[in-house]
């Protein structure tokens, strides 16, 4: 068995409160139930928006600097994730496709070392 990350990507400006007003919230709940029933879900977590984050950067001289906001300059951010334990990348992709459908979002499926 191997562990995989399924990360949900959202565009900046996405309002998570709209999710609870759609059938997507029910679909995500159903997906979580299916993952638990299949015995593949290790951990799941939704994240606060990037505006609530603090980035810590290591400078070339070894010092650290902190700044409010997201770390990467990108048009998207990670909104939440699952950690799954499944036998193969194919199985992880199966759950990744389900996650993309339920969340109405793009996802990234990545194996752990």
N, C-alpha and C. Protein backbone atom coordinates (compact mmCIF):
# COMPACT_ATOMS: atom_id res chain seq x y z
N UNK A 1 0.84 -1.18 0.00
CA UNK A 1 0.00 0.00 0.00
C UNK A 1 0.89 1.24 0.00
N UNK A 2 0.46 2.24 -0.72
CA UNK A 2 1.18 3.50 -0.81
C UNK A 2 0.24 4.64 -0.43
N UNK A 3 0.82 5.72 0.01
CA UNK A 3 0.04 6.90 0.36
C UNK A 3 0.12 7.93 -0.76
N UNK A 4 -1.02 8.58 -0.99
CA UNK A 4 -1.14 9.59 -2.03
C UNK A 4 -1.85 10.81 -1.48
N UNK A 5 -1.45 11.96 -1.99
CA UNK A 5 -2.12 13.22 -1.69
C UNK A 5 -3.04 13.55 -2.86
N UNK A 6 -4.26 13.91 -2.55
CA UNK A 6 -5.17 14.50 -3.54
C UNK A 6 -5.44 15.91 -3.06
N UNK A 7 -4.92 16.89 -3.78
CA UNK A 7 -5.04 18.30 -3.41
C UNK A 7 -6.05 18.99 -4.32
N UNK A 8 -6.97 19.74 -3.71
CA UNK A 8 -7.98 20.49 -4.45
C UNK A 8 -7.43 21.88 -4.76
N UNK A 9 -7.50 22.29 -6.01
CA UNK A 9 -7.01 23.61 -6.42
C UNK A 9 -8.19 24.50 -6.77
N UNK A 10 -8.13 25.73 -6.28
CA UNK A 10 -9.18 26.73 -6.53
C UNK A 10 -8.54 28.01 -7.05
N UNK A 11 -9.27 28.80 -7.83
CA UNK A 11 -8.76 30.10 -8.27
C UNK A 11 -8.82 31.11 -7.12
N UNK A 12 -7.89 32.04 -7.09
CA UNK A 12 -7.95 33.11 -6.10
C UNK A 12 -9.27 33.85 -6.27
N UNK A 13 -9.86 34.22 -5.17
CA UNK A 13 -11.15 34.87 -5.18
C UNK A 13 -12.30 33.89 -4.98
N UNK A 14 -11.99 32.59 -4.96
CA UNK A 14 -13.02 31.58 -4.73
C UNK A 14 -13.60 31.77 -3.33
N UNK A 15 -14.91 31.71 -3.22
CA UNK A 15 -15.61 31.88 -1.95
C UNK A 15 -16.13 30.52 -1.49
N UNK A 16 -15.49 29.96 -0.47
CA UNK A 16 -15.86 28.63 0.01
C UNK A 16 -17.27 28.58 0.58
N UNK A 17 -17.81 29.70 0.99
CA UNK A 17 -19.16 29.69 1.55
C UNK A 17 -20.20 29.29 0.51
N UNK A 18 -19.89 29.47 -0.76
CA UNK A 18 -20.85 29.09 -1.80
C UNK A 18 -20.95 27.57 -1.93
N UNK A 19 -19.95 26.85 -1.47
CA UNK A 19 -19.95 25.40 -1.57
C UNK A 19 -21.08 24.80 -0.76
N UNK A 20 -21.34 25.32 0.42
CA UNK A 20 -22.38 24.75 1.26
C UNK A 20 -23.77 24.99 0.70
N UNK A 21 -23.90 25.91 -0.23
CA UNK A 21 -25.20 26.21 -0.82
C UNK A 21 -25.47 25.41 -2.08
N UNK A 22 -24.57 24.51 -2.43
CA UNK A 22 -24.73 23.74 -3.66
C UNK A 22 -24.77 22.26 -3.34
N UNK A 23 -25.05 21.48 -4.35
CA UNK A 23 -25.03 20.04 -4.17
C UNK A 23 -23.60 19.53 -4.05
N UNK A 24 -22.61 20.37 -4.34
CA UNK A 24 -21.22 19.94 -4.20
C UNK A 24 -20.91 19.53 -2.77
N UNK A 25 -21.44 20.25 -1.81
CA UNK A 25 -21.18 19.90 -0.40
C UNK A 25 -21.67 18.49 -0.10
N UNK A 26 -22.84 18.15 -0.59
CA UNK A 26 -23.38 16.80 -0.38
C UNK A 26 -22.53 15.77 -1.12
N UNK A 27 -22.08 16.12 -2.32
CA UNK A 27 -21.24 15.20 -3.09
C UNK A 27 -19.90 14.94 -2.38
N UNK A 28 -19.34 15.98 -1.78
CA UNK A 28 -18.08 15.82 -1.04
C UNK A 28 -18.30 14.96 0.20
N UNK A 29 -19.41 15.18 0.90
CA UNK A 29 -19.73 14.33 2.05
C UNK A 29 -19.87 12.87 1.61
N UNK A 30 -20.56 12.64 0.50
CA UNK A 30 -20.72 11.28 -0.01
C UNK A 30 -19.38 10.66 -0.38
N UNK A 31 -18.49 11.47 -0.99
CA UNK A 31 -17.16 10.98 -1.34
C UNK A 31 -16.38 10.60 -0.09
N UNK A 32 -16.43 11.44 0.93
CA UNK A 32 -15.74 11.12 2.18
C UNK A 32 -16.27 9.82 2.77
N UNK A 33 -17.59 9.65 2.75
CA UNK A 33 -18.18 8.40 3.26
C UNK A 33 -17.69 7.20 2.47
N UNK A 34 -17.63 7.34 1.14
CA UNK A 34 -17.18 6.24 0.28
C UNK A 34 -15.71 5.90 0.55
N UNK A 35 -14.89 6.92 0.77
CA UNK A 35 -13.47 6.67 1.06
C UNK A 35 -13.32 5.93 2.38
N UNK A 36 -14.09 6.33 3.38
CA UNK A 36 -14.04 5.66 4.68
C UNK A 36 -14.52 4.22 4.54
N UNK A 37 -15.63 4.02 3.85
CA UNK A 37 -16.18 2.69 3.65
C UNK A 37 -15.19 1.77 2.92
N UNK A 38 -14.46 2.34 1.95
CA UNK A 38 -13.46 1.57 1.20
C UNK A 38 -12.18 1.36 2.00
N UNK A 39 -12.05 2.06 3.12
CA UNK A 39 -10.86 1.90 3.95
C UNK A 39 -9.61 2.53 3.39
N UNK A 40 -9.77 3.57 2.55
CA UNK A 40 -8.60 4.19 1.90
C UNK A 40 -8.24 5.55 2.49
N UNK A 41 -9.16 6.18 3.21
CA UNK A 41 -8.91 7.54 3.70
C UNK A 41 -8.09 7.50 4.98
N UNK A 42 -6.94 8.18 4.95
CA UNK A 42 -6.08 8.31 6.11
C UNK A 42 -6.38 9.62 6.83
N UNK A 43 -6.52 10.70 6.05
CA UNK A 43 -6.75 12.03 6.62
C UNK A 43 -7.38 12.91 5.56
N UNK A 44 -8.20 13.85 6.00
CA UNK A 44 -8.80 14.83 5.10
C UNK A 44 -8.80 16.18 5.80
N UNK A 45 -8.63 17.25 5.06
CA UNK A 45 -8.66 18.57 5.68
C UNK A 45 -8.97 19.65 4.67
N UNK A 46 -9.87 20.53 5.06
CA UNK A 46 -10.13 21.74 4.29
C UNK A 46 -9.28 22.86 4.87
N UNK A 47 -8.86 23.77 4.04
CA UNK A 47 -7.96 24.84 4.48
C UNK A 47 -8.65 26.20 4.43
N UNK A 48 -8.27 27.08 5.33
CA UNK A 48 -8.72 28.46 5.30
C UNK A 48 -8.14 29.13 4.05
N UNK A 49 -8.70 30.25 3.62
CA UNK A 49 -8.18 30.92 2.41
C UNK A 49 -6.74 31.40 2.61
N UNK A 50 -6.02 31.59 1.50
CA UNK A 50 -4.62 32.03 1.57
C UNK A 50 -4.44 33.34 2.33
N UNK A 51 -5.44 34.18 2.36
CA UNK A 51 -5.32 35.45 3.08
C UNK A 51 -5.14 35.23 4.58
N UNK A 52 -5.44 34.04 5.07
CA UNK A 52 -5.30 33.71 6.49
C UNK A 52 -3.94 33.08 6.80
N UNK A 53 -3.09 32.94 5.80
CA UNK A 53 -1.81 32.25 6.00
C UNK A 53 -0.67 33.23 6.27
N UNK A 54 0.40 32.68 6.80
CA UNK A 54 1.66 33.40 6.97
C UNK A 54 2.75 32.56 6.33
N UNK A 55 3.55 33.18 5.49
CA UNK A 55 4.64 32.49 4.81
C UNK A 55 5.96 32.76 5.54
N UNK A 56 6.74 31.72 5.69
CA UNK A 56 8.07 31.84 6.30
C UNK A 56 9.07 31.44 5.23
N UNK A 57 9.94 32.36 4.89
CA UNK A 57 10.94 32.12 3.83
C UNK A 57 12.34 32.11 4.43
N UNK A 58 13.11 31.12 4.01
CA UNK A 58 14.51 31.04 4.41
C UNK A 58 15.32 31.83 3.40
N UNK A 59 16.09 32.78 3.89
CA UNK A 59 16.91 33.63 3.04
C UNK A 59 18.25 32.95 2.76
N UNK A 60 18.97 33.40 1.72
CA UNK A 60 20.27 32.80 1.38
C UNK A 60 21.27 32.81 2.54
N UNK A 61 21.16 33.81 3.43
CA UNK A 61 22.10 33.88 4.56
C UNK A 61 21.64 33.04 5.74
N UNK A 62 20.52 32.31 5.59
CA UNK A 62 20.04 31.44 6.65
C UNK A 62 19.00 32.08 7.56
N UNK A 63 18.81 33.38 7.46
CA UNK A 63 17.79 34.03 8.29
C UNK A 63 16.40 33.71 7.74
N UNK A 64 15.42 33.93 8.56
CA UNK A 64 14.03 33.67 8.17
C UNK A 64 13.25 34.97 8.12
N UNK A 65 12.38 35.08 7.16
CA UNK A 65 11.49 36.24 7.09
C UNK A 65 10.06 35.74 7.04
N UNK A 66 9.16 36.48 7.66
CA UNK A 66 7.75 36.13 7.67
C UNK A 66 6.94 37.21 6.98
N UNK A 67 5.92 36.79 6.26
CA UNK A 67 5.03 37.76 5.63
C UNK A 67 3.62 37.19 5.61
N UNK A 68 2.66 38.09 5.72
CA UNK A 68 1.26 37.68 5.67
C UNK A 68 0.91 37.25 4.25
N UNK A 69 0.09 36.24 4.15
CA UNK A 69 -0.40 35.82 2.84
C UNK A 69 0.23 34.55 2.32
N UNK A 70 -0.19 34.20 1.13
CA UNK A 70 0.22 32.94 0.52
C UNK A 70 1.68 32.94 0.11
N UNK A 71 2.23 31.75 -0.02
CA UNK A 71 3.64 31.58 -0.33
C UNK A 71 3.92 31.73 -1.83
N UNK A 72 3.14 31.06 -2.64
CA UNK A 72 3.38 31.06 -4.08
C UNK A 72 2.61 32.18 -4.77
N UNK A 73 3.25 32.78 -5.75
CA UNK A 73 2.57 33.76 -6.59
C UNK A 73 1.93 32.97 -7.74
N UNK A 74 0.65 32.73 -7.61
CA UNK A 74 -0.06 31.87 -8.53
C UNK A 74 -1.51 32.34 -8.65
N UNK A 75 -2.18 31.88 -9.68
CA UNK A 75 -3.59 32.21 -9.85
C UNK A 75 -4.48 31.25 -9.06
N UNK A 76 -3.89 30.20 -8.48
CA UNK A 76 -4.66 29.19 -7.76
C UNK A 76 -4.05 28.94 -6.39
N UNK A 77 -4.82 28.26 -5.55
CA UNK A 77 -4.32 27.88 -4.23
C UNK A 77 -4.90 26.52 -3.87
N UNK A 78 -4.27 25.85 -2.90
CA UNK A 78 -4.76 24.57 -2.41
C UNK A 78 -5.84 24.86 -1.38
N UNK A 79 -7.04 24.35 -1.64
CA UNK A 79 -8.21 24.61 -0.82
C UNK A 79 -8.43 23.51 0.23
N UNK A 80 -7.95 22.33 -0.05
CA UNK A 80 -8.12 21.21 0.86
C UNK A 80 -7.43 20.00 0.27
N UNK A 81 -7.47 18.89 1.00
CA UNK A 81 -6.75 17.71 0.53
C UNK A 81 -7.22 16.45 1.24
N UNK A 82 -6.90 15.34 0.64
CA UNK A 82 -7.06 14.02 1.23
C UNK A 82 -5.71 13.34 1.21
N UNK A 83 -5.44 12.52 2.20
CA UNK A 83 -4.33 11.57 2.17
C UNK A 83 -4.99 10.20 2.13
N UNK A 84 -4.68 9.44 1.09
CA UNK A 84 -5.25 8.12 0.91
C UNK A 84 -4.16 7.05 0.95
N UNK A 85 -4.53 5.87 1.36
CA UNK A 85 -3.63 4.73 1.30
C UNK A 85 -4.27 3.70 0.39
N UNK A 86 -3.68 3.53 -0.78
CA UNK A 86 -4.22 2.64 -1.81
C UNK A 86 -3.07 1.84 -2.43
N UNK A 87 -3.40 0.76 -3.14
CA UNK A 87 -2.34 -0.09 -3.67
C UNK A 87 -1.57 0.46 -4.88
N UNK A 88 -2.14 1.46 -5.59
CA UNK A 88 -1.47 1.88 -6.83
C UNK A 88 -1.86 3.31 -7.21
N UNK A 89 -1.08 3.88 -8.12
CA UNK A 89 -1.40 5.19 -8.67
C UNK A 89 -2.74 5.14 -9.41
N UNK A 90 -3.03 4.03 -10.07
CA UNK A 90 -4.30 3.91 -10.78
C UNK A 90 -5.48 4.05 -9.81
N UNK A 91 -5.37 3.41 -8.65
CA UNK A 91 -6.42 3.52 -7.63
C UNK A 91 -6.51 4.95 -7.09
N UNK A 92 -5.35 5.59 -6.89
CA UNK A 92 -5.34 6.99 -6.43
C UNK A 92 -6.00 7.90 -7.47
N UNK A 93 -5.73 7.66 -8.74
CA UNK A 93 -6.34 8.45 -9.81
C UNK A 93 -7.85 8.22 -9.86
N UNK A 94 -8.28 7.01 -9.59
CA UNK A 94 -9.72 6.72 -9.51
C UNK A 94 -10.38 7.65 -8.49
N UNK A 95 -9.79 7.75 -7.29
CA UNK A 95 -10.34 8.62 -6.25
C UNK A 95 -10.14 10.09 -6.61
N UNK A 96 -9.04 10.41 -7.28
CA UNK A 96 -8.80 11.78 -7.72
C UNK A 96 -9.87 12.26 -8.69
N UNK A 97 -10.27 11.40 -9.61
CA UNK A 97 -11.33 11.76 -10.55
C UNK A 97 -12.65 12.00 -9.80
N UNK A 98 -12.93 11.16 -8.83
CA UNK A 98 -14.14 11.34 -8.01
C UNK A 98 -14.08 12.67 -7.25
N UNK A 99 -12.89 13.00 -6.73
CA UNK A 99 -12.72 14.26 -5.99
C UNK A 99 -12.92 15.46 -6.90
N UNK A 100 -12.38 15.41 -8.10
CA UNK A 100 -12.53 16.52 -9.05
C UNK A 100 -14.01 16.74 -9.38
N UNK A 101 -14.74 15.65 -9.55
CA UNK A 101 -16.17 15.75 -9.84
C UNK A 101 -16.93 16.32 -8.65
N UNK A 102 -16.69 15.75 -7.46
CA UNK A 102 -17.43 16.18 -6.27
C UNK A 102 -17.15 17.63 -5.91
N UNK A 103 -15.90 18.03 -6.04
CA UNK A 103 -15.49 19.39 -5.64
C UNK A 103 -15.72 20.42 -6.74
N UNK A 104 -16.03 19.93 -7.94
CA UNK A 104 -16.18 20.84 -9.09
C UNK A 104 -14.92 21.70 -9.23
N UNK A 105 -13.77 21.00 -9.16
CA UNK A 105 -12.48 21.69 -9.17
C UNK A 105 -11.42 20.76 -9.74
N UNK A 106 -10.30 21.34 -10.12
CA UNK A 106 -9.14 20.55 -10.51
C UNK A 106 -8.46 20.00 -9.27
N UNK A 107 -7.89 18.82 -9.40
CA UNK A 107 -7.14 18.23 -8.30
C UNK A 107 -5.79 17.75 -8.79
N UNK A 108 -4.88 17.61 -7.85
CA UNK A 108 -3.56 17.05 -8.13
C UNK A 108 -3.44 15.77 -7.31
N UNK A 109 -2.98 14.70 -7.96
CA UNK A 109 -2.75 13.44 -7.27
C UNK A 109 -1.24 13.21 -7.25
N UNK A 110 -0.70 13.08 -6.06
CA UNK A 110 0.77 12.97 -5.94
C UNK A 110 1.14 11.93 -4.89
N UNK A 111 2.07 11.02 -5.24
CA UNK A 111 2.49 10.02 -4.26
C UNK A 111 3.44 10.59 -3.22
N UNK A 112 3.37 10.03 -2.02
CA UNK A 112 4.36 10.33 -0.99
C UNK A 112 5.58 9.45 -1.22
N UNK A 113 6.72 9.84 -0.67
CA UNK A 113 7.90 8.97 -0.71
C UNK A 113 7.69 7.81 0.20
